[in-house]
Amino acid sequence: MAVKIVAVIVRNLRKAETKILENGHGSIDLLTDKDNYSSLVGK
C-alpha cells in the first residue's frame, strides 16, 4: 500500500519537475525530493 502511494508521489514529482525546469525555478529541491522518493521505491 505504502509503495503504491510513494509511486504516485514520484509520478507527480516528475510531472512537476518538467514544469519547474521549463520555468527555471526550484529545480534543485525537486530533483533532490525525486531522488529520495526513488530510493524509497527501490527498497
C-alpha atoms as a PDB file:
ATOM      1  CA  MET A   1       0.000   0.000   0.000  1.00  0.00           C
ATOM      2  CA  ALA A   2       2.686   2.498   1.023  1.00  0.00           C
ATOM      3  CA  VAL A   3       4.770   1.685  -2.061  1.00  0.00           C
ATOM      4  CA  LYS A   4       1.744   2.442  -4.242  1.00  0.00           C
ATOM      5  CA  ILE A   5       1.312   5.853  -2.606  1.00  0.00           C
ATOM      6  CA  VAL A   6       5.017   6.665  -2.978  1.00  0.00           C
ATOM      7  CA  ALA A   7       4.896   5.636  -6.637  1.00  0.00           C
ATOM      8  CA  VAL A   8       2.079   8.136  -7.225  1.00  0.00           C
ATOM      9  CA  ILE A   9       4.072  10.850  -5.441  1.00  0.00           C
ATOM     10  CA  VAL A  10       7.107  10.096  -7.611  1.00  0.00           C
ATOM     11  CA  ARG A  11       4.988  10.324 -10.753  1.00  0.00           C
ATOM     12  CA  ASN A  12       3.579  13.678  -9.618  1.00  0.00           C
ATOM     13  CA  LEU A  13       7.073  14.947  -8.791  1.00  0.00           C
ATOM     14  CA  ARG A  14       8.284  14.034 -12.270  1.00  0.00           C
ATOM     15  CA  LYS A  15       5.396  15.951 -13.855  1.00  0.00           C
ATOM     16  CA  ALA A  16       6.059  18.920 -11.568  1.00  0.00           C
ATOM     17  CA  GLU A  17       9.795  18.693 -12.278  1.00  0.00           C
ATOM     18  CA  THR A  18       9.181  19.113 -16.004  1.00  0.00           C
ATOM     19  CA  LYS A  19       7.069  22.226 -15.427  1.00  0.00           C
ATOM     20  CA  ILE A  20       9.510  23.724 -12.945  1.00  0.00           C
ATOM     21  CA  LEU A  21      12.529  23.048 -15.151  1.00  0.00           C
ATOM     22  CA  GLU A  22      10.732  24.788 -18.018  1.00  0.00           C
ATOM     23  CA  ASN A  23      10.108  27.772 -15.733  1.00  0.00           C
ATOM     24  CA  GLY A  24      13.631  27.589 -14.313  1.00  0.00           C
ATOM     25  CA  HIS A  25      12.531  27.799 -10.662  1.00  0.00           C
ATOM     26  CA  GLY A  26      13.156  25.398  -7.769  1.00  0.00           C
ATOM     27  CA  SER A  27      14.583  22.563  -9.849  1.00  0.00           C
ATOM     28  CA  ILE A  28      17.298  21.589  -7.337  1.00  0.00           C
ATOM     29  CA  ASP A  29      14.919  20.974  -4.415  1.00  0.00           C
ATOM     30  CA  LEU A  30      12.558  18.981  -6.584  1.00  0.00           C
ATOM     31  CA  LEU A  31      15.331  16.826  -8.038  1.00  0.00           C
ATOM     32  CA  THR A  32      16.519  16.034  -4.507  1.00  0.00           C
ATOM     33  CA  ASP A  33      12.997  15.073  -3.444  1.00  0.00           C
ATOM     34  CA  LYS A  34      12.561  12.867  -6.506  1.00  0.00           C
ATOM     35  CA  ASP A  35      15.821  11.051  -5.745  1.00  0.00           C
ATOM     36  CA  ASN A  36      14.713  10.459  -2.152  1.00  0.00           C
ATOM     37  CA  TYR A  37      11.375   9.009  -3.273  1.00  0.00           C
ATOM     38  CA  SER A  38      13.057   6.893  -5.943  1.00  0.00           C
ATOM     39  CA  SER A  39      15.375   5.341  -3.340  1.00  0.00           C
ATOM     40  CA  LEU A  40      12.331   4.513  -1.189  1.00  0.00           C
ATOM     41  CA  VAL A  41      10.601   2.819  -4.117  1.00  0.00           C
ATOM     42  CA  GLY A  42      13.784   0.885  -4.907  1.00  0.00           C
ATOM     43  CA  LYS A  43      13.855  -0.760  -1.471  1.00  0.00           C
END
